[in-house]
Amino acid sequence: MTRNAPPDIGLKIKALRNEHKLTLDQLAKKSGVSKSMLSQIERGLTNPTLATVWSLTQSLGINIANLLVEATTEDEKGRYLE
C-alpha cells in the first residue's frame, strides 16, 4: 500500500493570499495567525494546526476542504506554484 504525500497547504495559502492581494502582515492581522507563523507555513517549514488552518481559510473566505484536495488540472497545479 502506497501513501500519498499530504497536500502542500502552505503553497496553497500563499497562492490564495496573493490572489486576494494581501501581504503577510494583512493576512496575519485578519486571521490572528502571527506573521512569522504564516511565513513558516507558506515556506513549508512548519505544519499548521487545524485551528490555524481554520482561521486562515475563514479569513480568505474559502472552505477548509479546498486546501485538502490535490490540484487535479494543470491550471490548478500552476495556480499554486506561482
N, C-alpha and C. Protein backbone atom coordinates (compact mmCIF):
# COMPACT_ATOMS: atom_id res chain seq x y z
N MET A 1 0.84 -1.18 0.00
CA MET A 1 0.00 0.00 0.00
C MET A 1 0.89 1.25 0.00
N THR A 2 0.63 2.17 -0.91
CA THR A 2 1.42 3.39 -1.02
C THR A 2 0.65 4.56 -0.43
N ARG A 3 1.32 5.35 0.38
CA ARG A 3 0.71 6.54 0.95
C ARG A 3 0.98 7.73 0.04
N ASN A 4 -0.02 8.54 -0.17
CA ASN A 4 0.16 9.77 -0.91
C ASN A 4 0.75 10.83 0.01
N ALA A 5 1.51 11.73 -0.57
CA ALA A 5 2.05 12.83 0.21
C ALA A 5 0.91 13.77 0.60
N PRO A 6 1.01 14.41 1.75
CA PRO A 6 -0.05 15.35 2.14
C PRO A 6 -0.06 16.56 1.21
N PRO A 7 -1.21 17.22 1.09
CA PRO A 7 -1.27 18.40 0.22
C PRO A 7 -0.38 19.51 0.78
N ASP A 8 0.18 20.30 -0.10
CA ASP A 8 1.05 21.40 0.31
C ASP A 8 0.18 22.60 0.67
N ILE A 9 -0.27 22.62 1.90
CA ILE A 9 -1.16 23.67 2.38
C ILE A 9 -0.49 25.04 2.32
N GLY A 10 0.78 25.10 2.66
CA GLY A 10 1.49 26.38 2.66
C GLY A 10 1.51 27.03 1.29
N LEU A 11 1.77 26.23 0.28
CA LEU A 11 1.81 26.73 -1.09
C LEU A 11 0.44 27.25 -1.51
N LYS A 12 -0.60 26.51 -1.11
CA LYS A 12 -1.96 26.93 -1.44
C LYS A 12 -2.34 28.21 -0.70
N ILE A 13 -1.97 28.31 0.56
CA ILE A 13 -2.26 29.54 1.34
C ILE A 13 -1.58 30.74 0.68
N LYS A 14 -0.33 30.57 0.29
CA LYS A 14 0.40 31.67 -0.34
C LYS A 14 -0.28 32.10 -1.65
N ALA A 15 -0.68 31.12 -2.47
CA ALA A 15 -1.34 31.44 -3.73
C ALA A 15 -2.66 32.17 -3.48
N LEU A 16 -3.41 31.70 -2.51
CA LEU A 16 -4.69 32.35 -2.19
C LEU A 16 -4.48 33.75 -1.62
N ARG A 17 -3.47 33.90 -0.78
CA ARG A 17 -3.15 35.22 -0.23
C ARG A 17 -2.80 36.19 -1.35
N ASN A 18 -2.01 35.72 -2.31
CA ASN A 18 -1.64 36.57 -3.45
C ASN A 18 -2.86 36.89 -4.32
N GLU A 19 -3.74 35.92 -4.51
CA GLU A 19 -4.97 36.15 -5.29
C GLU A 19 -5.82 37.24 -4.65
N HIS A 20 -5.83 37.26 -3.32
CA HIS A 20 -6.61 38.26 -2.59
C HIS A 20 -5.82 39.57 -2.42
N LYS A 21 -4.61 39.59 -2.98
CA LYS A 21 -3.74 40.77 -2.91
C LYS A 21 -3.50 41.23 -1.47
N LEU A 22 -3.21 40.25 -0.63
CA LEU A 22 -2.91 40.52 0.77
C LEU A 22 -1.43 40.31 1.05
N THR A 23 -0.87 41.15 1.87
CA THR A 23 0.51 40.94 2.32
C THR A 23 0.48 39.94 3.47
N LEU A 24 1.64 39.44 3.84
CA LEU A 24 1.73 38.55 5.00
C LEU A 24 1.15 39.25 6.23
N ASP A 25 1.51 40.50 6.40
CA ASP A 25 1.05 41.28 7.56
C ASP A 25 -0.47 41.42 7.57
N GLN A 26 -1.05 41.69 6.42
CA GLN A 26 -2.50 41.87 6.34
C GLN A 26 -3.24 40.58 6.67
N LEU A 27 -2.79 39.46 6.11
CA LEU A 27 -3.45 38.18 6.41
C LEU A 27 -3.22 37.79 7.87
N ALA A 28 -2.05 38.08 8.38
CA ALA A 28 -1.78 37.78 9.79
C ALA A 28 -2.76 38.53 10.69
N LYS A 29 -2.94 39.80 10.44
CA LYS A 29 -3.87 40.59 11.25
C LYS A 29 -5.31 40.13 11.08
N LYS A 30 -5.68 39.82 9.86
CA LYS A 30 -7.05 39.38 9.56
C LYS A 30 -7.38 38.04 10.19
N SER A 31 -6.39 37.14 10.24
CA SER A 31 -6.62 35.77 10.71
C SER A 31 -6.27 35.55 12.18
N GLY A 32 -5.45 36.42 12.74
CA GLY A 32 -4.98 36.20 14.10
C GLY A 32 -3.79 35.26 14.19
N VAL A 33 -3.26 34.85 13.04
CA VAL A 33 -2.07 33.99 12.98
C VAL A 33 -0.87 34.91 12.84
N SER A 34 0.15 34.70 13.64
CA SER A 34 1.29 35.61 13.60
C SER A 34 1.95 35.61 12.22
N LYS A 35 2.53 36.74 11.89
CA LYS A 35 3.21 36.89 10.60
C LYS A 35 4.33 35.87 10.45
N SER A 36 5.08 35.65 11.50
CA SER A 36 6.19 34.68 11.42
C SER A 36 5.68 33.26 11.22
N MET A 37 4.58 32.91 11.90
CA MET A 37 4.00 31.57 11.73
C MET A 37 3.46 31.41 10.31
N LEU A 38 2.78 32.43 9.81
CA LEU A 38 2.24 32.40 8.46
C LEU A 38 3.37 32.23 7.44
N SER A 39 4.45 32.94 7.62
CA SER A 39 5.60 32.82 6.73
C SER A 39 6.18 31.41 6.76
N GLN A 40 6.29 30.84 7.94
CA GLN A 40 6.81 29.48 8.08
C GLN A 40 5.89 28.45 7.41
N ILE A 41 4.58 28.66 7.53
CA ILE A 41 3.61 27.76 6.90
C ILE A 41 3.75 27.84 5.39
N GLU A 42 3.80 29.07 4.85
CA GLU A 42 3.90 29.25 3.41
C GLU A 42 5.18 28.66 2.83
N ARG A 43 6.26 28.69 3.60
CA ARG A 43 7.54 28.14 3.13
C ARG A 43 7.69 26.66 3.42
N GLY A 44 6.67 26.06 4.03
CA GLY A 44 6.72 24.62 4.32
C GLY A 44 7.64 24.25 5.46
N LEU A 45 7.93 25.20 6.33
CA LEU A 45 8.83 24.93 7.44
C LEU A 45 8.12 24.39 8.67
N THR A 46 6.80 24.55 8.70
CA THR A 46 6.02 24.05 9.82
C THR A 46 4.66 23.59 9.32
N ASN A 47 4.07 22.66 10.03
CA ASN A 47 2.73 22.20 9.71
C ASN A 47 1.74 22.91 10.62
N PRO A 48 0.75 23.57 10.06
CA PRO A 48 -0.21 24.29 10.89
C PRO A 48 -1.19 23.36 11.59
N THR A 49 -1.66 23.80 12.73
CA THR A 49 -2.71 23.05 13.43
C THR A 49 -4.03 23.24 12.68
N LEU A 50 -4.99 22.42 12.99
CA LEU A 50 -6.30 22.54 12.37
C LEU A 50 -6.91 23.91 12.71
N ALA A 51 -6.73 24.37 13.92
CA ALA A 51 -7.25 25.68 14.33
C ALA A 51 -6.63 26.81 13.50
N THR A 52 -5.35 26.70 13.22
CA THR A 52 -4.67 27.71 12.40
C THR A 52 -5.19 27.69 10.98
N VAL A 53 -5.33 26.49 10.42
CA VAL A 53 -5.85 26.35 9.05
C VAL A 53 -7.27 26.91 8.99
N TRP A 54 -8.06 26.63 10.00
CA TRP A 54 -9.43 27.13 10.06
C TRP A 54 -9.43 28.67 10.03
N SER A 55 -8.60 29.29 10.86
CA SER A 55 -8.53 30.75 10.90
C SER A 55 -8.12 31.34 9.55
N LEU A 56 -7.16 30.70 8.90
CA LEU A 56 -6.69 31.19 7.61
C LEU A 56 -7.76 31.06 6.54
N THR A 57 -8.43 29.91 6.50
CA THR A 57 -9.44 29.71 5.46
C THR A 57 -10.64 30.63 5.69
N GLN A 58 -11.01 30.85 6.92
CA GLN A 58 -12.11 31.77 7.21
C GLN A 58 -11.75 33.19 6.79
N SER A 59 -10.51 33.57 7.02
CA SER A 59 -10.04 34.91 6.64
C SER A 59 -9.94 35.09 5.13
N LEU A 60 -9.69 34.00 4.43
CA LEU A 60 -9.59 34.04 2.96
C LEU A 60 -10.95 33.78 2.29
N GLY A 61 -11.95 33.45 3.08
CA GLY A 61 -13.28 33.22 2.55
C GLY A 61 -13.41 31.95 1.72
N ILE A 62 -12.65 30.92 2.10
CA ILE A 62 -12.73 29.65 1.38
C ILE A 62 -13.09 28.52 2.34
N ASN A 63 -13.55 27.42 1.78
CA ASN A 63 -13.87 26.24 2.54
C ASN A 63 -12.57 25.51 2.87
N ILE A 64 -12.45 25.05 4.08
CA ILE A 64 -11.24 24.35 4.52
C ILE A 64 -10.93 23.14 3.64
N ALA A 65 -11.97 22.51 3.10
CA ALA A 65 -11.78 21.33 2.24
C ALA A 65 -10.98 21.67 0.99
N ASN A 66 -11.06 22.92 0.53
CA ASN A 66 -10.33 23.32 -0.67
C ASN A 66 -8.82 23.18 -0.49
N LEU A 67 -8.34 23.29 0.72
CA LEU A 67 -6.90 23.15 0.96
C LEU A 67 -6.45 21.70 1.02
N LEU A 68 -7.40 20.83 1.26
CA LEU A 68 -7.04 19.43 1.50
C LEU A 68 -7.11 18.55 0.27
N VAL A 69 -7.64 19.07 -0.81
CA VAL A 69 -7.71 18.29 -2.05
C VAL A 69 -6.51 18.61 -2.92
N GLU A 70 -6.07 17.63 -3.64
CA GLU A 70 -4.96 17.83 -4.57
C GLU A 70 -5.45 18.55 -5.82
N ALA A 71 -4.61 19.37 -6.40
CA ALA A 71 -4.93 20.01 -7.67
C ALA A 71 -5.09 18.92 -8.72
N THR A 72 -6.13 19.02 -9.52
CA THR A 72 -6.39 17.96 -10.49
C THR A 72 -6.12 18.38 -11.92
N THR A 73 -6.12 19.66 -12.20
CA THR A 73 -5.87 20.12 -13.56
C THR A 73 -4.54 20.87 -13.60
N GLU A 74 -3.99 20.98 -14.78
CA GLU A 74 -2.73 21.71 -14.92
C GLU A 74 -2.90 23.17 -14.49
N ASP A 75 -4.07 23.75 -14.77
CA ASP A 75 -4.34 25.12 -14.38
C ASP A 75 -4.30 25.27 -12.86
N GLU A 76 -4.93 24.34 -12.15
CA GLU A 76 -4.91 24.39 -10.70
C GLU A 76 -3.51 24.17 -10.16
N LYS A 77 -2.77 23.25 -10.75
CA LYS A 77 -1.41 22.99 -10.29
C LYS A 77 -0.55 24.23 -10.48
N GLY A 78 -0.65 24.89 -11.61
CA GLY A 78 0.12 26.10 -11.88
C GLY A 78 -0.28 27.22 -10.96
N ARG A 79 -1.53 27.27 -10.59
CA ARG A 79 -2.04 28.33 -9.72
C ARG A 79 -1.30 28.33 -8.38
N TYR A 80 -1.00 27.15 -7.86
CA TYR A 80 -0.34 27.07 -6.57
C TYR A 80 1.18 27.19 -6.65
N LEU A 81 1.70 27.21 -7.85
CA LEU A 81 3.16 27.27 -8.00
C LEU A 81 3.66 28.65 -8.36
N GLU A 82 2.77 29.62 -8.46
CA GLU A 82 3.18 30.99 -8.83
C GLU A 82 3.94 31.64 -7.71
